[in-house]
Protein backbone atom coordinates (compact mmCIF):
# COMPACT_ATOMS: atom_id res chain seq x y z
CA MET A 1 178.87 98.18 115.59
CA ASN A 2 179.14 99.38 112.02
CA THR A 3 175.57 100.71 112.09
CA PHE A 4 176.29 102.65 115.28
CA LEU A 5 179.34 104.27 113.68
CA ASN A 6 177.28 105.18 110.61
CA TYR A 7 174.66 106.88 112.81
CA LEU A 8 177.41 108.63 114.74
CA VAL A 9 178.93 110.01 111.52
CA VAL A 10 175.53 111.25 110.32
CA VAL A 11 174.85 112.96 113.64
CA ALA A 12 178.32 114.55 113.59
CA LEU A 13 177.74 115.87 110.06
CA PHE A 14 174.35 117.32 111.04
CA ALA A 15 175.95 119.00 114.05
CA LEU A 16 178.71 120.40 111.85
CA VAL A 17 176.19 121.83 109.38
CA LEU A 18 173.73 123.16 111.96
CA ALA A 19 176.26 124.71 114.37
CA PRO A 20 176.65 127.97 112.39
CA VAL A 21 172.87 128.27 112.14
CA ALA A 22 172.44 127.87 115.89
CA LEU A 23 175.19 130.39 116.60
CA GLY A 24 173.62 132.89 114.19
CA VAL A 25 170.21 132.56 115.80
CA ALA A 26 171.72 133.01 119.26
CA ARG A 27 173.59 136.10 118.07
CA GLU A 28 170.46 137.63 116.54
CA ARG A 29 168.48 137.02 119.74
CA ARG A 30 171.25 138.65 121.80
CA ILE A 31 171.29 141.70 119.53
CA ASP A 32 167.48 141.96 119.63
CA ARG A 33 167.56 141.78 123.43
CA GLN A 34 170.20 144.53 123.57
CA LEU A 35 168.15 146.72 121.23
CA ARG A 36 165.02 146.24 123.36
CA GLU A 37 166.93 147.11 126.53
CA ALA A 38 168.40 150.22 124.89
CA GLU A 39 164.95 151.27 123.69
CA ARG A 40 163.52 150.85 127.21
CA GLY A 41 166.41 152.85 128.65
CA ARG A 42 165.86 155.65 126.17
CA ARG A 43 162.16 155.83 127.04
CA ALA A 44 162.84 155.79 130.77
CA ALA A 45 165.43 158.57 130.45
CA GLY A 46 162.72 161.00 129.37
CA PRO A 47 162.99 163.97 127.03
CA PRO A 48 166.31 165.67 126.28
CA GLU A 49 167.45 168.40 128.68
CA THR A 50 167.40 171.15 126.06
CA GLU A 51 165.10 171.73 123.16
CA SER A 52 168.05 172.21 120.82
CA ALA A 53 169.21 168.66 121.44
CA ALA A 54 168.68 166.28 118.55
CA ARG A 55 165.77 163.92 118.97
CA PRO A 56 166.58 160.24 118.41
CA VAL A 57 165.09 158.78 115.27
CA PRO A 58 163.24 155.54 116.03
CA ALA A 59 164.43 152.64 113.94
CA ALA A 60 161.87 151.16 111.59
CA ARG A 61 161.96 147.60 112.90
CA ARG A 62 159.94 144.85 111.33
CA PRO A 63 159.57 142.15 113.99
CA HIS A 64 157.98 139.73 111.56
CA LEU A 65 161.30 139.40 109.73
CA ARG A 66 163.77 137.22 111.58
CA SER A 67 166.73 137.39 109.24
CA TRP A 68 168.43 139.84 106.91
CA ALA A 69 167.99 137.31 104.10
CA ARG A 70 164.20 137.79 104.04
CA VAL A 71 164.22 141.51 103.28
């Protein structure tokens, strides 16, 4: 029984340490998905109605970088 409780404590500590990482990855994926949908919507909308309208500047995205920490 003691061994089981030791394993349970180790698993709980791993879950406590890895929970923020998992939440951060999920948040980044959600933001990336929203950016892709916005980009598709902008392309489907077509050109601006007037020539004097400001043209959107495409963001310089680097898909090979997954996190802000690797810049």
